[in-house]
Amino acid sequence: MIRPQYFVESLAKAGINFYAGVPDSLLKNICAYLTDNSPKEKNIIAANEGAAVGLAAGHYLASGQIPVVYMQNSGLGNTVNPLMSLTDEDVYNIPVLLLVGWRGEPGKHDEPQHVKQGKVTIPLLDAMGIKNVVMATEEANLAQQLKEAIAYMQETKRAFAFVIQKGTFDEYKLQSGTASGLTMSREEAIQAVAGSIEKEAVIVSTTGMISRELFEYRANNGMGHDRDFLTVGSMGHASQIALGIALEQPERPIYCFDGDGATIMHMGSLGIVGDIQPKNYTHVVFNNGAHDSVGGQPTVGLHIDLPAVAKACGYKSVVSVDNIDSLKNTLQAKGESPRLIEVKVKKGARKDLGRPTTTPIENKEALMKFLADV
């Protein structure tokens, strides 16, 4: 395996010391090392992967040094535009070193949302004309790969991608980060909200732990899953899926269970909800200030005023709570729609938290049947 320290120090010797991206479970060890050992301005956890490419381009323009952008392969879609219309050799010809976690690698079991992306990761990089290689898992072999990649980028000013398999980086535990002081767990909060909604209501939940905790709550209480759409992929888009349903069925209460990282990733969607003004829409953002599903690296969620942003975007009512009693009181009080409820929760999840046992197709068909019963 590759020691994160070895990798970062090897790049530093070549003058490469700027990183931007969105954390990934396959890259959690290198992301944690960077969080602990790089100045904040040299390792920026971006709103989304495309924004990270923009940051990287700015760094190169100002310094002349090659930047690094890291991501899960699912995030490649967010980078296609800036990689093709900004850094590409036919436009500005800016070199970027891409670190791409290979979820859904063919021949290896993974969650359903990663299967197609795993199949097309290398073909997509090839189609974009981005030279790529599967990263070596031994430091002796990686040294030669790095030498060749850096020489290629310096000579051509083009992007180069390392496709990174599970288990490539050696273990490194995140050390930094101050305790938030929050005491309410996300799972506790999800149960409180899900247990209070109308029987005809629908929940659209975002990817990661939130959908897993919602699914397990239903299962543990002998409920069906037909009222929930578990957005197992498509990070940042749950709010718009929920909006699409809300507009088609304006008499049905619609809830979006979102995370801080997902909300920030495509924050412009708040403006669309606020402008459309659905009268049946509740946006619940469980904010723990972290990308909890992929290693706990920080977001800016607890450093910004999400309710104020939503209010400025046109949400009719907004509230922020950080304890179970306040949450329950807020749920009982209702509020004019569209409304946003920020629920501040502590990091972490149960070690034995399960995953959905239904397939995405089964989830979709059950929900559509429920929605057809108007």
Protein backbone atom coordinates (compact mmCIF):
# COMPACT_ATOMS: atom_id res chain seq x y z
CA MET A 1 0.00 0.00 0.00
CA ILE A 2 0.93 3.65 -0.43
CA ARG A 3 1.56 5.71 2.69
CA PRO A 4 -0.31 9.03 2.43
CA GLN A 5 2.75 10.84 3.76
CA TYR A 6 4.93 9.29 1.06
CA PHE A 7 2.51 10.32 -1.68
CA VAL A 8 2.14 13.92 -0.49
CA GLU A 9 5.87 14.38 0.12
CA SER A 10 6.70 12.89 -3.29
CA LEU A 11 4.49 15.47 -4.99
CA ALA A 12 5.86 18.26 -2.82
CA LYS A 13 9.36 17.50 -4.08
CA ALA A 14 8.08 18.30 -7.57
CA GLY A 15 6.55 21.58 -6.40
CA ILE A 16 3.00 20.19 -6.26
CA ASN A 17 1.35 21.21 -3.00
CA PHE A 18 -2.14 22.50 -3.81
CA TYR A 19 -5.15 20.20 -3.47
CA ALA A 20 -8.86 20.71 -4.01
CA GLY A 21 -11.72 18.26 -4.28
CA VAL A 22 -14.55 16.34 -2.69
CA PRO A 23 -13.65 13.48 -0.32
CA ASP A 24 -14.21 9.86 -1.33
CA SER A 25 -14.27 6.68 0.74
CA LEU A 26 -11.44 5.16 -1.35
CA LEU A 27 -9.38 8.31 -0.80
CA LYS A 28 -10.33 8.89 2.84
CA ASN A 29 -6.83 8.14 4.13
CA ILE A 30 -5.10 10.58 1.81
CA CYS A 31 -7.86 13.15 2.40
CA ALA A 32 -7.48 12.77 6.16
CA TYR A 33 -3.70 13.18 5.92
CA LEU A 34 -4.11 16.35 3.87
CA THR A 35 -6.67 17.74 6.32
CA ASP A 36 -4.26 17.19 9.21
CA ASN A 37 -1.03 18.24 7.52
CA SER A 38 -1.78 20.89 4.89
CA PRO A 39 -2.61 24.56 5.47
CA LYS A 40 -6.29 25.24 4.92
CA GLU A 41 -5.56 27.32 1.84
CA LYS A 42 -3.58 24.44 0.31
CA ASN A 43 -6.28 21.78 0.72
CA ILE A 44 -9.73 23.08 -0.11
CA ILE A 45 -12.70 20.77 0.25
CA ALA A 46 -14.73 22.24 -2.57
CA ALA A 47 -18.49 22.61 -2.94
CA ASN A 48 -18.33 20.17 -5.85
CA GLU A 49 -15.78 18.57 -8.14
CA GLY A 50 -16.23 21.06 -10.97
CA ALA A 51 -15.57 23.91 -8.57
CA ALA A 52 -12.40 22.10 -7.51
CA VAL A 53 -11.17 22.19 -11.12
CA GLY A 54 -11.82 25.94 -11.14
CA LEU A 55 -9.80 26.35 -7.95
CA ALA A 56 -7.01 24.28 -9.47
CA ALA A 57 -6.97 26.42 -12.62
CA GLY A 58 -6.73 29.59 -10.56
CA HIS A 59 -3.83 28.15 -8.59
CA TYR A 60 -1.95 27.29 -11.76
CA LEU A 61 -2.56 30.71 -13.31
CA ALA A 62 -1.16 32.44 -10.23
CA SER A 63 1.72 30.10 -9.41
CA GLY A 64 2.63 28.12 -12.51
CA GLN A 65 2.57 24.97 -10.35
CA ILE A 66 0.55 21.84 -11.13
CA PRO A 67 -2.51 21.44 -8.86
CA VAL A 68 -4.22 18.24 -7.66
CA VAL A 69 -7.97 17.59 -7.81
CA TYR A 70 -9.38 14.58 -5.93
CA MET A 71 -12.79 12.99 -6.23
CA GLN A 72 -14.87 9.83 -6.33
CA ASN A 73 -15.46 8.72 -9.93
CA SER A 74 -19.13 9.67 -9.51
CA GLY A 75 -17.90 13.25 -9.40
CA LEU A 76 -16.38 13.09 -12.87
CA GLY A 77 -19.69 14.29 -14.26
CA ASN A 78 -19.31 17.57 -12.36
CA THR A 79 -15.85 18.04 -13.88
CA VAL A 80 -16.62 17.37 -17.55
CA ASN A 81 -17.47 20.98 -18.35
CA PRO A 82 -14.41 22.66 -16.77
CA LEU A 83 -12.10 19.89 -17.95
CA MET A 84 -13.37 20.29 -21.53
CA SER A 85 -13.93 24.06 -21.68
CA LEU A 86 -11.31 25.41 -19.28
CA THR A 87 -8.26 23.19 -18.76
CA ASP A 88 -8.33 21.34 -22.10
CA GLU A 89 -5.43 21.83 -24.48
CA ASP A 90 -7.77 23.32 -27.11
CA VAL A 91 -8.82 26.06 -24.70
CA TYR A 92 -6.41 27.24 -21.94
CA ASN A 93 -4.17 24.17 -21.78
CA ILE A 94 -3.82 23.94 -18.00
CA PRO A 95 -2.26 20.86 -16.35
CA VAL A 96 -4.16 19.20 -13.50
CA LEU A 97 -3.36 15.97 -11.66
CA LEU A 98 -6.62 14.10 -11.05
CA LEU A 99 -7.01 11.52 -8.28
CA VAL A 100 -10.12 9.49 -9.04
CA GLY A 101 -11.46 6.87 -6.62
CA TRP A 102 -12.62 3.85 -8.65
CA ARG A 103 -15.95 2.90 -7.07
CA GLY A 104 -17.76 0.13 -8.94
CA GLU A 105 -14.56 -1.27 -10.40
CA PRO A 106 -15.62 -4.09 -12.77
CA GLY A 107 -15.35 -7.50 -11.14
CA LYS A 108 -15.64 -6.11 -7.61
CA HIS A 109 -18.87 -5.92 -5.60
CA ASP A 110 -20.14 -2.41 -4.89
CA GLU A 111 -23.37 -0.53 -4.30
CA PRO A 112 -25.74 -0.27 -7.30
CA GLN A 113 -25.21 3.45 -7.84
CA HIS A 114 -21.52 2.81 -8.55
CA VAL A 115 -21.80 -0.04 -11.05
CA LYS A 116 -22.26 1.97 -14.26
CA GLN A 117 -19.79 4.66 -13.24
CA GLY A 118 -17.22 1.98 -12.48
CA LYS A 119 -17.62 0.53 -15.96
CA VAL A 120 -17.23 3.86 -17.74
CA THR A 121 -14.58 5.57 -15.60
CA ILE A 122 -11.59 4.78 -17.80
CA PRO A 123 -13.54 5.03 -21.10
CA LEU A 124 -14.82 8.46 -20.01
CA LEU A 125 -11.32 9.70 -19.25
CA ASP A 126 -10.17 8.29 -22.60
CA ALA A 127 -13.06 10.00 -24.41
CA MET A 128 -12.05 13.33 -22.86
CA GLY A 129 -8.48 12.79 -24.04
CA ILE A 130 -7.15 12.63 -20.49
CA LYS A 131 -4.19 10.30 -20.16
CA ASN A 132 -4.73 7.95 -17.23
CA VAL A 133 -3.31 4.96 -15.40
CA VAL A 134 -4.44 2.76 -12.53
CA MET A 135 -2.29 3.83 -9.59
CA ALA A 136 0.31 1.34 -8.41
CA THR A 137 -0.25 -0.13 -4.96
CA GLU A 138 3.46 -0.33 -4.07
CA GLU A 139 5.59 2.73 -3.47
CA ALA A 140 8.50 1.50 -5.58
CA ASN A 141 6.22 1.26 -8.62
CA LEU A 142 4.40 4.48 -7.82
CA ALA A 143 7.65 6.44 -7.88
CA GLN A 144 8.08 5.69 -11.58
CA GLN A 145 4.42 6.46 -12.31
CA LEU A 146 4.70 9.83 -10.60
CA LYS A 147 7.88 10.67 -12.49
CA GLU A 148 6.23 9.90 -15.82
CA ALA A 149 2.96 11.68 -14.96
CA ILE A 150 4.71 14.86 -13.82
CA ALA A 151 6.98 14.90 -16.87
CA TYR A 152 3.92 14.47 -19.12
CA MET A 153 2.03 17.35 -17.47
CA GLN A 154 5.05 19.64 -17.51
CA GLU A 155 5.73 18.95 -21.18
CA THR A 156 2.15 18.99 -22.56
CA LYS A 157 0.33 21.20 -20.00
CA ARG A 158 -2.45 18.61 -20.12
CA ALA A 159 -4.39 16.85 -17.37
CA PHE A 160 -3.36 13.41 -16.12
CA ALA A 161 -5.50 11.05 -14.03
CA PHE A 162 -4.63 8.38 -11.49
CA VAL A 163 -7.50 5.90 -11.18
CA ILE A 164 -7.32 4.57 -7.62
CA GLN A 165 -8.54 1.17 -6.47
CA LYS A 166 -9.86 0.28 -3.05
CA GLY A 167 -7.06 -0.38 -0.56
CA THR A 168 -4.41 1.59 -2.45
CA PHE A 169 -3.62 3.98 0.41
CA ASP A 170 -2.41 2.84 3.78
CA GLU A 171 -4.52 3.57 6.86
CA TYR A 172 -4.50 7.09 8.26
CA LYS A 173 -6.99 8.34 10.84
CA LEU A 174 -8.16 11.94 10.84
CA GLN A 175 -6.76 13.70 13.92
CA SER A 176 -7.83 17.32 13.51
CA GLY A 177 -11.18 18.93 13.99
CA THR A 178 -12.76 20.45 17.04
CA ALA A 179 -15.75 18.93 18.76
CA SER A 180 -18.97 20.61 17.67
CA GLY A 181 -20.59 20.28 21.09
CA LEU A 182 -23.73 18.94 19.42
CA THR A 183 -25.46 16.07 21.19
CA MET A 184 -28.35 15.02 18.94
CA SER A 185 -27.57 12.12 16.61
CA ARG A 186 -28.66 12.26 12.98
CA GLU A 187 -30.42 8.91 13.33
CA GLU A 188 -32.42 10.20 16.31
CA ALA A 189 -33.41 13.29 14.35
CA ILE A 190 -34.40 11.30 11.26
CA GLN A 191 -36.63 9.07 13.35
CA ALA A 192 -38.30 12.11 14.92
CA VAL A 193 -39.08 13.70 11.56
CA ALA A 194 -40.08 10.51 9.76
CA GLY A 195 -42.30 9.55 12.68
CA SER A 196 -44.18 12.85 12.60
CA ILE A 197 -45.10 13.28 8.97
CA GLU A 198 -48.51 12.81 7.40
CA LYS A 199 -49.49 9.31 6.26
CA GLU A 200 -49.80 10.47 2.65
CA ALA A 201 -46.45 12.31 2.69
CA VAL A 202 -43.40 11.30 0.66
CA ILE A 203 -39.75 11.61 1.67
CA VAL A 204 -36.92 12.05 -0.82
CA SER A 205 -33.67 11.32 1.02
CA THR A 206 -30.16 12.16 -0.12
CA THR A 207 -27.30 9.75 -0.70
CA GLY A 208 -25.22 8.25 2.09
CA MET A 209 -26.03 7.70 5.74
CA ILE A 210 -29.32 9.61 5.65
CA SER A 211 -30.98 7.16 3.25
CA ARG A 212 -29.48 4.21 5.13
CA GLU A 213 -30.80 5.46 8.47
CA LEU A 214 -34.24 6.20 7.03
CA PHE A 215 -34.45 2.73 5.46
CA GLU A 216 -33.44 1.05 8.72
CA TYR A 217 -35.96 3.10 10.72
CA ARG A 218 -38.75 1.86 8.46
CA ALA A 219 -37.51 -1.73 8.60
CA ASN A 220 -37.12 -1.78 12.38
CA ASN A 221 -40.69 -0.54 12.81
CA GLY A 222 -42.27 -2.98 10.38
CA MET A 223 -43.09 -0.25 7.87
CA GLY A 224 -42.89 -0.46 4.13
CA HIS A 225 -40.53 1.69 2.07
CA ASP A 226 -43.04 2.82 -0.53
CA ARG A 227 -43.26 6.40 0.80
CA ASP A 228 -39.53 7.04 0.45
CA PHE A 229 -37.30 7.70 -2.53
CA LEU A 230 -33.77 6.76 -1.50
CA THR A 231 -31.47 8.82 -3.70
CA VAL A 232 -28.53 6.45 -3.41
CA GLY A 233 -26.48 8.45 -5.93
CA SER A 234 -26.84 11.88 -7.54
CA MET A 235 -25.39 13.80 -4.60
CA GLY A 236 -26.88 17.26 -4.30
CA HIS A 237 -29.96 16.63 -6.42
CA ALA A 238 -32.45 15.24 -3.89
CA SER A 239 -34.04 18.68 -3.40
CA GLN A 240 -34.89 18.93 -7.09
CA ILE A 241 -36.27 15.38 -7.25
CA ALA A 242 -38.49 16.33 -4.33
CA LEU A 243 -39.49 19.57 -6.06
CA GLY A 244 -40.47 17.70 -9.22
CA ILE A 245 -42.76 15.44 -7.20
CA ALA A 246 -44.18 18.35 -5.21
CA LEU A 247 -45.16 20.26 -8.35
CA GLU A 248 -46.90 17.27 -9.90
CA GLN A 249 -48.85 16.45 -6.73
CA PRO A 250 -49.43 19.80 -5.01
CA GLU A 251 -51.85 18.37 -2.42
CA ARG A 252 -49.36 15.82 -1.12
CA PRO A 253 -46.80 16.86 1.54
CA ILE A 254 -43.29 16.34 0.23
CA TYR A 255 -40.18 16.23 2.43
CA CYS A 256 -36.58 16.36 1.29
CA PHE A 257 -34.07 14.85 3.74
CA ASP A 258 -30.78 16.48 2.79
CA GLY A 259 -27.24 16.68 4.15
CA ASP A 260 -25.06 19.75 4.53
CA GLY A 261 -22.49 18.51 2.00
CA ALA A 262 -25.18 17.67 -0.54
CA THR A 263 -26.98 20.99 -0.04
CA ILE A 264 -23.76 22.94 -0.47
CA MET A 265 -22.75 20.92 -3.54
CA HIS A 266 -25.60 22.38 -5.61
CA MET A 267 -26.75 25.27 -3.45
CA GLY A 268 -28.29 27.07 -6.42
CA SER A 269 -31.19 24.65 -6.16
CA LEU A 270 -32.37 26.55 -3.07
CA GLY A 271 -33.05 29.50 -5.34
CA ILE A 272 -35.20 27.40 -7.66
CA VAL A 273 -37.31 26.08 -4.76
CA GLY A 274 -37.67 29.61 -3.40
CA ASP A 275 -38.72 31.02 -6.75
CA ILE A 276 -41.24 28.26 -7.59
CA GLN A 277 -42.85 28.55 -4.14
CA PRO A 278 -44.32 25.03 -3.74
CA LYS A 279 -46.95 25.03 -1.00
CA ASN A 280 -46.29 21.43 0.05
CA TYR A 281 -42.51 21.35 0.40
CA THR A 282 -40.39 20.87 3.53
CA HIS A 283 -36.61 20.80 3.17
CA VAL A 284 -34.90 19.19 6.18
CA VAL A 285 -31.11 19.61 6.20
CA PHE A 286 -29.27 17.39 8.70
CA ASN A 287 -26.11 19.41 9.26
CA ASN A 288 -23.11 17.85 11.01
CA GLY A 289 -20.46 19.88 9.21
CA ALA A 290 -18.89 16.79 7.67
CA HIS A 291 -18.82 14.45 4.69
CA ASP A 292 -19.77 11.70 7.12
CA SER A 293 -20.19 8.83 4.64
CA VAL A 294 -16.69 9.08 3.20
CA GLY A 295 -14.43 9.64 6.18
CA GLY A 296 -15.73 12.64 8.12
CA GLN A 297 -13.73 15.35 6.36
CA PRO A 298 -15.20 18.80 7.13
CA THR A 299 -17.68 20.85 5.15
CA VAL A 300 -18.42 24.51 5.75
CA GLY A 301 -21.92 23.53 6.89
CA LEU A 302 -21.52 24.66 10.49
CA HIS A 303 -19.69 27.83 9.47
CA ILE A 304 -22.44 29.29 7.30
CA ASP A 305 -26.05 30.30 7.98
CA LEU A 306 -28.04 27.89 5.81
CA PRO A 307 -31.45 29.14 7.04
CA ALA A 308 -30.47 32.71 6.11
CA VAL A 309 -29.43 31.51 2.66
CA ALA A 310 -32.75 29.72 2.22
CA LYS A 311 -34.66 32.79 3.43
CA ALA A 312 -32.80 34.98 0.95
CA CYS A 313 -33.66 32.46 -1.78
CA GLY A 314 -37.38 32.79 -1.07
CA TYR A 315 -38.23 30.06 1.43
CA LYS A 316 -41.27 31.23 3.38
CA SER A 317 -40.20 29.87 6.76
CA VAL A 318 -36.82 28.78 8.09
CA VAL A 319 -35.65 27.49 11.45
CA SER A 320 -32.52 25.94 12.96
CA VAL A 321 -32.63 23.45 15.84
CA ASP A 322 -29.92 21.55 17.70
CA ASN A 323 -31.82 19.40 20.20
CA ILE A 324 -34.61 16.88 20.03
CA ASP A 325 -37.17 18.94 22.00
CA SER A 326 -36.76 21.94 19.72
CA LEU A 327 -37.05 19.68 16.69
CA LYS A 328 -40.27 18.12 17.93
CA ASN A 329 -41.73 21.53 18.74
CA THR A 330 -40.83 22.77 15.26
CA LEU A 331 -42.48 19.76 13.63
CA GLN A 332 -45.66 20.31 15.63
CA ALA A 333 -45.75 24.01 14.81
CA LYS A 334 -45.60 23.37 11.07
CA GLY A 335 -44.74 26.48 9.07
CA GLU A 336 -45.46 28.22 5.80
CA SER A 337 -44.09 26.40 2.73
CA PRO A 338 -41.61 26.15 1.24
CA ARG A 339 -39.86 25.77 4.55
CA LEU A 340 -36.38 24.78 5.59
CA ILE A 341 -35.54 23.09 8.87
CA GLU A 342 -31.83 22.94 9.65
CA VAL A 343 -31.19 20.15 12.14
CA LYS A 344 -27.71 20.42 13.65
CA VAL A 345 -26.44 16.96 14.64
CA LYS A 346 -23.21 15.38 15.79
CA LYS A 347 -20.93 13.44 13.48
CA GLY A 348 -20.91 9.69 13.25
CA ALA A 349 -23.18 6.70 12.72
CA ARG A 350 -23.67 3.28 14.24
CA LYS A 351 -21.02 0.77 13.21
CA ASP A 352 -23.70 -1.82 12.50
CA LEU A 353 -25.85 0.46 10.34
CA GLY A 354 -27.24 -1.59 7.46
CA ARG A 355 -27.83 -0.73 3.83
CA PRO A 356 -31.07 -0.81 1.86
CA THR A 357 -32.06 -4.38 0.99
CA THR A 358 -34.30 -3.33 -1.90
CA THR A 359 -32.90 -2.47 -5.30
CA PRO A 360 -33.22 1.03 -6.76
CA ILE A 361 -35.72 -0.30 -9.32
CA GLU A 362 -37.83 -1.86 -6.57
CA ASN A 363 -37.71 1.41 -4.63
CA LYS A 364 -38.78 3.41 -7.68
CA GLU A 365 -41.67 1.11 -8.56
CA ALA A 366 -43.01 1.00 -5.00
CA LEU A 367 -42.90 4.79 -4.74
CA MET A 368 -44.61 5.29 -8.10
CA LYS A 369 -47.39 2.93 -7.06
CA PHE A 370 -47.83 4.90 -3.83
CA LEU A 371 -47.85 8.21 -5.73
CA ALA A 372 -50.43 6.88 -8.20
CA ASP A 373 -52.83 6.39 -5.30
CA VAL A 374 -53.97 10.00 -5.17
